[in-house]
Structures are given as C-alpha cells and as structure tokens.
Amino acid sequence: MTKYREAVQQMLTENKELFDEFRPIHDAYMLNPAVNQAKYNSIGSTVMDTIREYERRLCAKMGGGMYSKFSANLSEKFMEEIKKTFPKIMFIGVE
C-alpha cells in the first residue's frame, strides 16, 4: 500500500469517532446542501483540521531538498484518496 493511502487509513482509524460523526452529516449535505450547510461547516472545520494535520505529517519530510516538487503531488493524491470516501469534503466552509 502506498504511503498516502496508509496515511488516510491511519487517519480514519485513529479518528474513528470524529469520522463516524461526520459521515451522516456529509451524506445529508450531499442530498440537500442548503439545509445542511451550517452543521456541515461546523463539524467540517474539525475534520479539515484533522485532515490537514495528517497531510502535513505525510508531506513534512519531502518539503525541502530535491524532493520538494513531489510533495505537492503527494498532497494531491492524499486529498484524492479522501475524496473517494467523502466526495464533498472540499465544500466545507463554502457559503
């Protein structure tokens, strides 16, 4: 398994309660964004903080030096893997 997939799995496992709480809100937001936007943004900010922390951990070692250009690609792959589980994750905070 690739490092970014391992990081996503680790994040979901270590923060199971948070993501279990977020799943029904995410699903409700997919069905009716206008009604569920406030609640989605509320819990979504905590979820995004968690995602950014794991993304930072994953990419931190590659940030400097000759591999810095791969860090952006790794970050993209990490987010794409999360979008497979939560397709509307990037709509957190959108008004």
PDB file of N, CA and C in Angstrom:
ATOM      1  N   MET A   1       0.847  -1.168   0.000  1.00  0.00           N
ATOM      2  CA  MET A   1       0.000   0.000   0.000  1.00  0.00           C
ATOM      3  C   MET A   1       0.906   1.248   0.000  1.00  0.00           C
ATOM      4  N   THR A   2       0.481   2.242  -0.747  1.00  0.00           N
ATOM      5  CA  THR A   2       1.265   3.469  -0.849  1.00  0.00           C
ATOM      6  C   THR A   2       1.182   4.278   0.442  1.00  0.00           C
ATOM      7  N   LYS A   3       2.150   5.168   0.614  1.00  0.00           N
ATOM      8  CA  LYS A   3       2.235   5.963   1.843  1.00  0.00           C
ATOM      9  C   LYS A   3       0.999   6.836   2.056  1.00  0.00           C
ATOM     10  N   TYR A   4       0.496   7.458   0.982  1.00  0.00           N
ATOM     11  CA  TYR A   4      -0.664   8.335   1.160  1.00  0.00           C
ATOM     12  C   TYR A   4      -1.910   7.538   1.509  1.00  0.00           C
ATOM     13  N   ARG A   5      -2.047   6.343   0.971  1.00  0.00           N
ATOM     14  CA  ARG A   5      -3.193   5.504   1.343  1.00  0.00           C
ATOM     15  C   ARG A   5      -3.067   5.039   2.790  1.00  0.00           C
ATOM     16  N   GLU A   6      -1.849   4.705   3.199  1.00  0.00           N
ATOM     17  CA  GLU A   6      -1.616   4.330   4.593  1.00  0.00           C
ATOM     18  C   GLU A   6      -1.959   5.488   5.521  1.00  0.00           C
ATOM     19  N   ALA A   7      -1.587   6.697   5.114  1.00  0.00           N
ATOM     20  CA  ALA A   7      -1.871   7.880   5.938  1.00  0.00           C
ATOM     21  C   ALA A   7      -3.372   8.110   6.066  1.00  0.00           C
ATOM     22  N   VAL A   8      -4.103   7.924   4.983  1.00  0.00           N
ATOM     23  CA  VAL A   8      -5.564   8.084   5.024  1.00  0.00           C
ATOM     24  C   VAL A   8      -6.182   7.032   5.936  1.00  0.00           C
ATOM     25  N   GLN A   9      -5.755   5.786   5.793  1.00  0.00           N
ATOM     26  CA  GLN A   9      -6.294   4.716   6.631  1.00  0.00           C
ATOM     27  C   GLN A   9      -5.966   4.955   8.109  1.00  0.00           C
ATOM     28  N   GLN A  10      -4.740   5.400   8.386  1.00  0.00           N
ATOM     29  CA  GLN A  10      -4.343   5.698   9.750  1.00  0.00           C
ATOM     30  C   GLN A  10      -5.206   6.825  10.323  1.00  0.00           C
ATOM     31  N   MET A  11      -5.430   7.856   9.524  1.00  0.00           N
ATOM     32  CA  MET A  11      -6.243   8.991   9.962  1.00  0.00           C
ATOM     33  C   MET A  11      -7.668   8.539  10.284  1.00  0.00           C
ATOM     34  N   LEU A  12      -8.258   7.746   9.398  1.00  0.00           N
ATOM     35  CA  LEU A  12      -9.629   7.288   9.607  1.00  0.00           C
ATOM     36  C   LEU A  12      -9.729   6.371  10.823  1.00  0.00           C
ATOM     37  N   THR A  13      -8.711   5.553  11.042  1.00  0.00           N
ATOM     38  CA  THR A  13      -8.714   4.631  12.173  1.00  0.00           C
ATOM     39  C   THR A  13      -8.504   5.365  13.495  1.00  0.00           C
ATOM     40  N   GLU A  14      -7.514   6.246  13.531  1.00  0.00           N
ATOM     41  CA  GLU A  14      -7.188   6.946  14.767  1.00  0.00           C
ATOM     42  C   GLU A  14      -8.244   7.983  15.165  1.00  0.00           C
ATOM     43  N   ASN A  15      -9.047   8.416  14.209  1.00  0.00           N
ATOM     44  CA  ASN A  15     -10.090   9.415  14.483  1.00  0.00           C
ATOM     45  C   ASN A  15     -11.464   8.862  14.117  1.00  0.00           C
ATOM     46  N   LYS A  16     -11.667   7.594  14.415  1.00  0.00           N
ATOM     47  CA  LYS A  16     -12.892   6.895  14.028  1.00  0.00           C
ATOM     48  C   LYS A  16     -14.151   7.599  14.530  1.00  0.00           C
ATOM     49  N   GLU A  17     -14.161   8.034  15.771  1.00  0.00           N
ATOM     50  CA  GLU A  17     -15.345   8.683  16.341  1.00  0.00           C
ATOM     51  C   GLU A  17     -15.695   9.958  15.577  1.00  0.00           C
ATOM     52  N   LEU A  18     -14.680  10.760  15.268  1.00  0.00           N
ATOM     53  CA  LEU A  18     -14.898  12.009  14.532  1.00  0.00           C
ATOM     54  C   LEU A  18     -15.480  11.729  13.147  1.00  0.00           C
ATOM     55  N   PHE A  19     -14.891  10.783  12.429  1.00  0.00           N
ATOM     56  CA  PHE A  19     -15.363  10.499  11.077  1.00  0.00           C
ATOM     57  C   PHE A  19     -16.693   9.749  11.078  1.00  0.00           C
ATOM     58  N   ASP A  20     -16.958   8.966  12.126  1.00  0.00           N
ATOM     59  CA  ASP A  20     -18.278   8.332  12.254  1.00  0.00           C
ATOM     60  C   ASP A  20     -19.361   9.376  12.502  1.00  0.00           C
ATOM     61  N   GLU A  21     -19.018  10.431  13.226  1.00  0.00           N
ATOM     62  CA  GLU A  21     -19.955  11.527  13.464  1.00  0.00           C
ATOM     63  C   GLU A  21     -20.144  12.363  12.192  1.00  0.00           C
ATOM     64  N   PHE A  22     -19.076  12.504  11.415  1.00  0.00           N
ATOM     65  CA  PHE A  22     -19.104  13.329  10.207  1.00  0.00           C
ATOM     66  C   PHE A  22     -19.841  12.651   9.050  1.00  0.00           C
ATOM     67  N   ARG A  23     -19.783  11.332   8.958  1.00  0.00           N
ATOM     68  CA  ARG A  23     -20.372  10.591   7.832  1.00  0.00           C
ATOM     69  C   ARG A  23     -21.846  10.926   7.593  1.00  0.00           C
ATOM     70  N   PRO A  24     -22.746  10.836   8.588  1.00  0.00           N
ATOM     71  CA  PRO A  24     -24.159  11.136   8.314  1.00  0.00           C
ATOM     72  C   PRO A  24     -24.386  12.596   7.919  1.00  0.00           C
ATOM     73  N   ILE A  25     -23.610  13.504   8.483  1.00  0.00           N
ATOM     74  CA  ILE A  25     -23.747  14.919   8.125  1.00  0.00           C
ATOM     75  C   ILE A  25     -23.298  15.130   6.683  1.00  0.00           C
ATOM     76  N   HIS A  26     -22.207  14.474   6.307  1.00  0.00           N
ATOM     77  CA  HIS A  26     -21.712  14.555   4.925  1.00  0.00           C
ATOM     78  C   HIS A  26     -22.757  14.005   3.955  1.00  0.00           C
ATOM     79  N   ASP A  27     -23.335  12.864   4.285  1.00  0.00           N
ATOM     80  CA  ASP A  27     -24.346  12.252   3.416  1.00  0.00           C
ATOM     81  C   ASP A  27     -25.583  13.133   3.303  1.00  0.00           C
ATOM     82  N   ALA A  28     -25.997  13.740   4.414  1.00  0.00           N
ATOM     83  CA  ALA A  28     -27.146  14.648   4.384  1.00  0.00           C
ATOM     84  C   ALA A  28     -26.824  15.880   3.541  1.00  0.00           C
ATOM     85  N   TYR A  29     -25.602  16.373   3.640  1.00  0.00           N
ATOM     86  CA  TYR A  29     -25.186  17.532   2.845  1.00  0.00           C
ATOM     87  C   TYR A  29     -25.218  17.206   1.352  1.00  0.00           C
ATOM     88  N   MET A  30     -24.852  15.989   0.990  1.00  0.00           N
ATOM     89  CA  MET A  30     -24.890  15.594  -0.421  1.00  0.00           C
ATOM     90  C   MET A  30     -26.316  15.634  -0.963  1.00  0.00           C
ATOM     91  N   LEU A  31     -27.284  15.285  -0.124  1.00  0.00           N
ATOM     92  CA  LEU A  31     -28.683  15.257  -0.560  1.00  0.00           C
ATOM     93  C   LEU A  31     -29.306  16.647  -0.596  1.00  0.00           C
ATOM     94  N   ASN A  32     -28.972  17.489   0.386  1.00  0.00           N
ATOM     95  CA  ASN A  32     -29.570  18.817   0.466  1.00  0.00           C
ATOM     96  C   ASN A  32     -28.560  19.814   1.057  1.00  0.00           C
ATOM     97  N   PRO A  33     -27.693  20.364   0.211  1.00  0.00           N
ATOM     98  CA  PRO A  33     -26.638  21.247   0.706  1.00  0.00           C
ATOM     99  C   PRO A  33     -27.153  22.500   1.424  1.00  0.00           C
ATOM    100  N   ALA A  34     -28.188  23.108   0.927  1.00  0.00           N
ATOM    101  CA  ALA A  34     -28.661  24.374   1.500  1.00  0.00           C
ATOM    102  C   ALA A  34     -29.116  24.208   2.951  1.00  0.00           C
ATOM    103  N   VAL A  35     -29.819  23.152   3.229  1.00  0.00           N
ATOM    104  CA  VAL A  35     -30.357  22.931   4.572  1.00  0.00           C
ATOM    105  C   VAL A  35     -29.265  22.521   5.558  1.00  0.00           C
ATOM    106  N   ASN A  36     -28.280  21.771   5.092  1.00  0.00           N
ATOM    107  CA  ASN A  36     -27.284  21.180   5.985  1.00  0.00           C
ATOM    108  C   ASN A  36     -25.954  21.931   6.028  1.00  0.00           C
ATOM    109  N   GLN A  37     -25.851  23.067   5.358  1.00  0.00           N
ATOM    110  CA  GLN A  37     -24.582  23.785   5.235  1.00  0.00           C
ATOM    111  C   GLN A  37     -23.995  24.196   6.586  1.00  0.00           C
ATOM    112  N   ALA A  38     -24.784  24.757   7.473  1.00  0.00           N
ATOM    113  CA  ALA A  38     -24.269  25.255   8.756  1.00  0.00           C
ATOM    114  C   ALA A  38     -23.695  24.118   9.601  1.00  0.00           C
ATOM    115  N   LYS A  39     -24.431  23.037   9.727  1.00  0.00           N
ATOM    116  CA  LYS A  39     -23.955  21.901  10.518  1.00  0.00           C
ATOM    117  C   LYS A  39     -22.741  21.253   9.857  1.00  0.00           C
ATOM    118  N   TYR A  40     -22.766  21.177   8.534  1.00  0.00           N
ATOM    119  CA  TYR A  40     -21.651  20.615   7.769  1.00  0.00           C
ATOM    120  C   TYR A  40     -20.380  21.437   7.993  1.00  0.00           C
ATOM    121  N   ASN A  41     -20.506  22.749   7.961  1.00  0.00           N
ATOM    122  CA  ASN A  41     -19.344  23.615   8.194  1.00  0.00           C
ATOM    123  C   ASN A  41     -18.851  23.507   9.634  1.00  0.00           C
ATOM    124  N   SER A  42     -19.765  23.373  10.560  1.00  0.00           N
ATOM    125  CA  SER A  42     -19.409  23.315  11.968  1.00  0.00           C
ATOM    126  C   SER A  42     -18.518  22.119  12.283  1.00  0.00           C
ATOM    127  N   ILE A  43     -18.982  20.937  11.992  1.00  0.00           N
ATOM    128  CA  ILE A  43     -18.165  19.745  12.253  1.00  0.00           C
ATOM    129  C   ILE A  43     -17.058  19.607  11.202  1.00  0.00           C
ATOM    130  N   GLY A  44     -17.320  20.108  10.018  1.00  0.00           N
ATOM    131  CA  GLY A  44     -16.344  20.005   8.933  1.00  0.00           C
ATOM    132  C   GLY A  44     -15.050  20.736   9.223  1.00  0.00           C
ATOM    133  N   SER A  45     -15.107  21.813   9.981  1.00  0.00           N
ATOM    134  CA  SER A  45     -13.872  22.544  10.298  1.00  0.00           C
ATOM    135  C   SER A  45     -12.941  21.676  11.143  1.00  0.00           C
ATOM    136  N   THR A  46     -13.498  20.910  12.070  1.00  0.00           N
ATOM    137  CA  THR A  46     -12.694  19.993  12.876  1.00  0.00           C
ATOM    138  C   THR A  46     -12.131  18.877  12.014  1.00  0.00           C
ATOM    139  N   VAL A  47     -12.943  18.369  11.110  1.00  0.00           N
ATOM    140  CA  VAL A  47     -12.500  17.310  10.200  1.00  0.00           C
ATOM    141  C   VAL A  47     -11.363  17.813   9.314  1.00  0.00           C
ATOM    142  N   MET A  48     -11.507  19.025   8.775  1.00  0.00           N
ATOM    143  CA  MET A  48     -10.453  19.576   7.910  1.00  0.00           C
ATOM    144  C   MET A  48      -9.163  19.824   8.691  1.00  0.00           C
ATOM    145  N   ASP A  49      -9.272  20.229   9.938  1.00  0.00           N
ATOM    146  CA  ASP A  49      -8.072  20.390  10.767  1.00  0.00           C
ATOM    147  C   ASP A  49      -7.338  19.059  10.911  1.00  0.00           C
ATOM    148  N   THR A  50      -8.092  18.001  11.122  1.00  0.00           N
ATOM    149  CA  THR A  50      -7.512  16.661  11.246  1.00  0.00           C
ATOM    150  C   THR A  50      -6.866  16.237   9.938  1.00  0.00           C
ATOM    151  N   ILE A  51      -7.562  16.457   8.834  1.00  0.00           N
ATOM    152  CA  ILE A  51      -7.026  16.096   7.521  1.00  0.00           C
ATOM    153  C   ILE A  51      -5.736  16.856   7.241  1.00  0.00           C
ATOM    154  N   ARG A  52      -5.727  18.143   7.504  1.00  0.00           N
ATOM    155  CA  ARG A  52      -4.525  18.958   7.266  1.00  0.00           C
ATOM    156  C   ARG A  52      -3.348  18.495   8.127  1.00  0.00           C
ATOM    157  N   GLU A  53      -3.623  18.077   9.355  1.00  0.00           N
ATOM    158  CA  GLU A  53      -2.568  17.587  10.232  1.00  0.00           C
ATOM    159  C   GLU A  53      -1.920  16.325   9.654  1.00  0.00           C
ATOM    160  N   TYR A  54      -2.731  15.393   9.191  1.00  0.00           N
ATOM    161  CA  TYR A  54      -2.186  14.163   8.614  1.00  0.00           C
ATOM    162  C   TYR A  54      -1.502  14.430   7.272  1.00  0.00           C
ATOM    163  N   GLU A  55      -2.027  15.359   6.527  1.00  0.00           N
ATOM    164  CA  GLU A  55      -1.391  15.746   5.270  1.00  0.00           C
ATOM    165  C   GLU A  55      -0.019  16.372   5.546  1.00  0.00           C
ATOM    166  N   ARG A  56       0.046  17.214   6.570  1.00  0.00           N
ATOM    167  CA  ARG A  56       1.319  17.844   6.940  1.00  0.00           C
ATOM    168  C   ARG A  56       2.338  16.788   7.359  1.00  0.00           C
ATOM    169  N   ARG A  57       1.894  15.835   8.165  1.00  0.00           N
ATOM    170  CA  ARG A  57       2.792  14.751   8.600  1.00  0.00           C
ATOM    171  C   ARG A  57       3.325  13.972   7.397  1.00  0.00           C
ATOM    172  N   LEU A  58       2.444  13.689   6.469  1.00  0.00           N
ATOM    173  CA  LEU A  58       2.830  12.907   5.295  1.00  0.00           C
ATOM    174  C   LEU A  58       3.855  13.641   4.438  1.00  0.00           C
ATOM    175  N   CYS A  59       3.641  14.924   4.245  1.00  0.00           N
ATOM    176  CA  CYS A  59       4.470  15.702   3.316  1.00  0.00           C
ATOM    177  C   CYS A  59       5.653  16.401   3.979  1.00  0.00           C
ATOM    178  N   ALA A  60       5.729  16.398   5.295  1.00  0.00           N
ATOM    179  CA  ALA A  60       6.754  17.170   6.002  1.00  0.00           C
ATOM    180  C   ALA A  60       8.170  16.763   5.627  1.00  0.00           C
ATOM    181  N   LYS A  61       8.405  15.502   5.457  1.00  0.00           N
ATOM    182  CA  LYS A  61       9.746  15.021   5.158  1.00  0.00           C
ATOM    183  C   LYS A  61      10.190  15.372   3.753  1.00  0.00           C
ATOM    184  N   MET A  62       9.241  15.633   2.892  1.00  0.00           N
ATOM    185  CA  MET A  62       9.576  15.912   1.498  1.00  0.00           C
ATOM    186  C   MET A  62       9.602  17.402   1.194  1.00  0.00           C
ATOM    187  N   GLY A  63       9.240  18.237   2.142  1.00  0.00           N
ATOM    188  CA  GLY A  63       9.100  19.673   1.922  1.00  0.00           C
ATOM    189  C   GLY A  63      10.347  20.369   1.451  1.00  0.00           C
ATOM    190  N   GLY A  64      11.490  19.942   1.881  1.00  0.00           N
ATOM    191  CA  GLY A  64      12.726  20.605   1.470  1.00  0.00           C
ATOM    192  C   GLY A  64      13.586  19.655   0.656  1.00  0.00           C
ATOM    193  N   GLY A  65      14.598  20.209   0.074  1.00  0.00           N
ATOM    194  CA  GLY A  65      15.532  19.373  -0.659  1.00  0.00           C
ATOM    195  C   GLY A  65      15.078  19.050  -2.059  1.00  0.00           C
ATOM    196  N   MET A  66      15.696  18.025  -2.603  1.00  0.00           N
ATOM    197  CA  MET A  66      15.471  17.704  -4.018  1.00  0.00           C
ATOM    198  C   MET A  66      14.114  17.056  -4.291  1.00  0.00           C
ATOM    199  N   TYR A  67      13.379  16.651  -3.249  1.00  0.00           N
ATOM    200  CA  TYR A  67      12.083  16.008  -3.451  1.00  0.00           C
ATOM    201  C   TYR A  67      10.907  16.951  -3.232  1.00  0.00           C
ATOM    202  N   SER A  68      11.150  18.227  -3.115  1.00  0.00           N
ATOM    203  CA  SER A  68      10.080  19.168  -2.779  1.00  0.00           C
ATOM    204  C   SER A  68       8.985  19.204  -3.839  1.00  0.00           C
ATOM    205  N   LYS A  69       9.316  18.980  -5.102  1.00  0.00           N
ATOM    206  CA  LYS A  69       8.283  19.005  -6.139  1.00  0.00           C
ATOM    207  C   LYS A  69       7.319  17.823  -6.013  1.00  0.00           C
ATOM    208  N   PHE A  70       7.764  16.742  -5.374  1.00  0.00           N
ATOM    209  CA  PHE A  70       6.895  15.587  -5.194  1.00  0.00           C
ATOM    210  C   PHE A  70       5.906  15.790  -4.054  1.00  0.00           C
ATOM    211  N   SER A  71       6.195  16.717  -3.163  1.00  0.00           N
ATOM    212  CA  SER A  71       5.332  16.979  -2.025  1.00  0.00           C
ATOM    213  C   SER A  71       3.943  17.442  -2.468  1.00  0.00           C
ATOM    214  N   ALA A  72       3.885  18.301  -3.460  1.00  0.00           N
ATOM    215  CA  ALA A  72       2.593  18.782  -3.969  1.00  0.00           C
ATOM    216  C   ALA A  72       1.796  17.635  -4.587  1.00  0.00           C
ATOM    217  N   ASN A  73       2.470  16.777  -5.334  1.00  0.00           N
ATOM    218  CA  ASN A  73       1.790  15.631  -5.931  1.00  0.00           C
ATOM    219  C   ASN A  73       1.278  14.670  -4.859  1.00  0.00           C
ATOM    220  N   LEU A  74       2.081  14.472  -3.834  1.00  0.00           N
ATOM    221  CA  LEU A  74       1.692  13.587  -2.744  1.00  0.00           C
ATOM    222  C   LEU A  74       0.470  14.143  -2.017  1.00  0.00           C
ATOM    223  N   SER A  75       0.466  15.439  -1.797  1.00  0.00           N
ATOM    224  CA  SER A  75      -0.663  16.099  -1.155  1.00  0.00           C
ATOM    225  C   SER A  75      -1.932  15.937  -1.989  1.00  0.00           C
ATOM    226  N   GLU A  76      -1.800  16.094  -3.293  1.00  0.00           N
ATOM    227  CA  GLU A  76      -2.951  15.914  -4.198  1.00  0.00           C
ATOM    228  C   GLU A  76      -3.487  14.495  -4.132  1.00  0.00           C
ATOM    229  N   LYS A  77      -2.600  13.517  -4.160  1.00  0.00           N
ATOM    230  CA  LYS A  77      -3.026  12.116  -4.100  1.00  0.00           C
ATOM    231  C   LYS A  77      -3.705  11.807  -2.771  1.00  0.00           C
ATOM    232  N   PHE A  78      -3.180  12.389  -1.692  1.00  0.00           N
ATOM    233  CA  PHE A  78      -3.773  12.217  -0.369  1.00  0.00           C
ATOM    234  C   PHE A  78      -5.209  12.736  -0.366  1.00  0.00           C
ATOM    235  N   MET A  79      -5.412  13.938  -0.888  1.00  0.00           N
ATOM    236  CA  MET A  79      -6.755  14.527  -0.918  1.00  0.00           C
ATOM    237  C   MET A  79      -7.679  13.753  -1.856  1.00  0.00           C
ATOM    238  N   GLU A  80      -7.167  13.275  -2.969  1.00  0.00           N
ATOM    239  CA  GLU A  80      -7.993  12.476  -3.880  1.00  0.00           C
ATOM    240  C   GLU A  80      -8.460  11.192  -3.201  1.00  0.00           C
ATOM    241  N   GLU A  81      -7.603  10.600  -2.396  1.00  0.00           N
ATOM    242  CA  GLU A  81      -7.974   9.390  -1.662  1.00  0.00           C
ATOM    243  C   GLU A  81      -9.081   9.695  -0.651  1.00  0.00           C
ATOM    244  N   ILE A  82      -9.007  10.839   0.003  1.00  0.00           N
ATOM    245  CA  ILE A  82     -10.053  11.241   0.944  1.00  0.00           C
ATOM    246  C   ILE A  82     -11.362  11.507   0.207  1.00  0.00           C
ATOM    247  N   LYS A  83     -11.275  12.112  -0.979  1.00  0.00           N
ATOM    248  CA  LYS A  83     -12.474  12.407  -1.768  1.00  0.00           C
ATOM    249  C   LYS A  83     -13.199  11.136  -2.209  1.00  0.00           C
ATOM    250  N   LYS A  84     -12.501  10.014  -2.270  1.00  0.00           N
ATOM    251  CA  LYS A  84     -13.162   8.749  -2.601  1.00  0.00           C
ATOM    252  C   LYS A  84     -14.137   8.357  -1.483  1.00  0.00           C
ATOM    253  N   THR A  85     -13.786   8.695  -0.247  1.00  0.00           N
ATOM    254  CA  THR A  85     -14.634   8.382   0.899  1.00  0.00           C
ATOM    255  C   THR A  85     -15.655   9.483   1.156  1.00  0.00           C
ATOM    256  N   PHE A  86     -15.198  10.742   1.040  1.00  0.00           N
ATOM    257  CA  PHE A  86     -16.054  11.907   1.291  1.00  0.00           C
ATOM    258  C   PHE A  86     -16.000  12.833   0.071  1.00  0.00           C
ATOM    259  N   PRO A  87     -16.841  12.572  -0.940  1.00  0.00           N
ATOM    260  CA  PRO A  87     -16.760  13.339  -2.199  1.00  0.00           C
ATOM    261  C   PRO A  87     -16.949  14.842  -2.055  1.00  0.00           C
ATOM    262  N   LYS A  88     -17.692  15.304  -1.067  1.00  0.00           N
ATOM    263  CA  LYS A  88     -17.968  16.741  -0.905  1.00  0.00           C
ATOM    264  C   LYS A  88     -17.088  17.407   0.144  1.00  0.00           C
ATOM    265  N   ILE A  89     -15.961  16.797   0.474  1.00  0.00           N
ATOM    266  CA  ILE A  89     -15.096  17.306   1.538  1.00  0.00           C
ATOM    267  C   ILE A  89     -14.592  18.712   1.242  1.00  0.00           C
ATOM    268  N   MET A  90     -14.413  19.059   0.007  1.00  0.00           N
ATOM    269  CA  MET A  90     -13.860  20.363  -0.339  1.00  0.00           C
ATOM    270  C   MET A  90     -14.923  21.479  -0.259  1.00  0.00           C
ATOM    271  N   PHE A  91     -16.159  21.138   0.052  1.00  0.00           N
ATOM    272  CA  PHE A  91     -17.217  22.139   0.171  1.00  0.00           C
ATOM    273  C   PHE A  91     -17.379  22.641   1.606  1.00  0.00           C
ATOM    274  N   ILE A  92     -16.508  22.192   2.504  1.00  0.00           N
ATOM    275  CA  ILE A  92     -16.554  22.685   3.871  1.00  0.00           C
ATOM    276  C   ILE A  92     -16.155  24.158   3.869  1.00  0.00           C
ATOM    277  N   GLY A  93     -16.988  24.985   4.458  1.00  0.00           N
ATOM    278  CA  GLY A  93     -16.714  26.414   4.545  1.00  0.00           C
ATOM    279  C   GLY A  93     -17.234  27.222   3.373  1.00  0.00           C
ATOM    280  N   VAL A  94     -17.770  26.556   2.360  1.00  0.00           N
ATOM    281  CA  VAL A  94     -18.315  27.268   1.195  1.00  0.00           C
ATOM    282  C   VAL A  94     -19.673  27.837   1.565  1.00  0.00           C
ATOM    283  N   GLU A  95     -19.878  29.078   1.235  1.00  0.00           N
ATOM    284  CA  GLU A  95     -21.164  29.729   1.539  1.00  0.00           C
ATOM    285  C   GLU A  95     -22.039  29.728   0.310  1.00  0.00           C
TER     286      GLU A  95
END
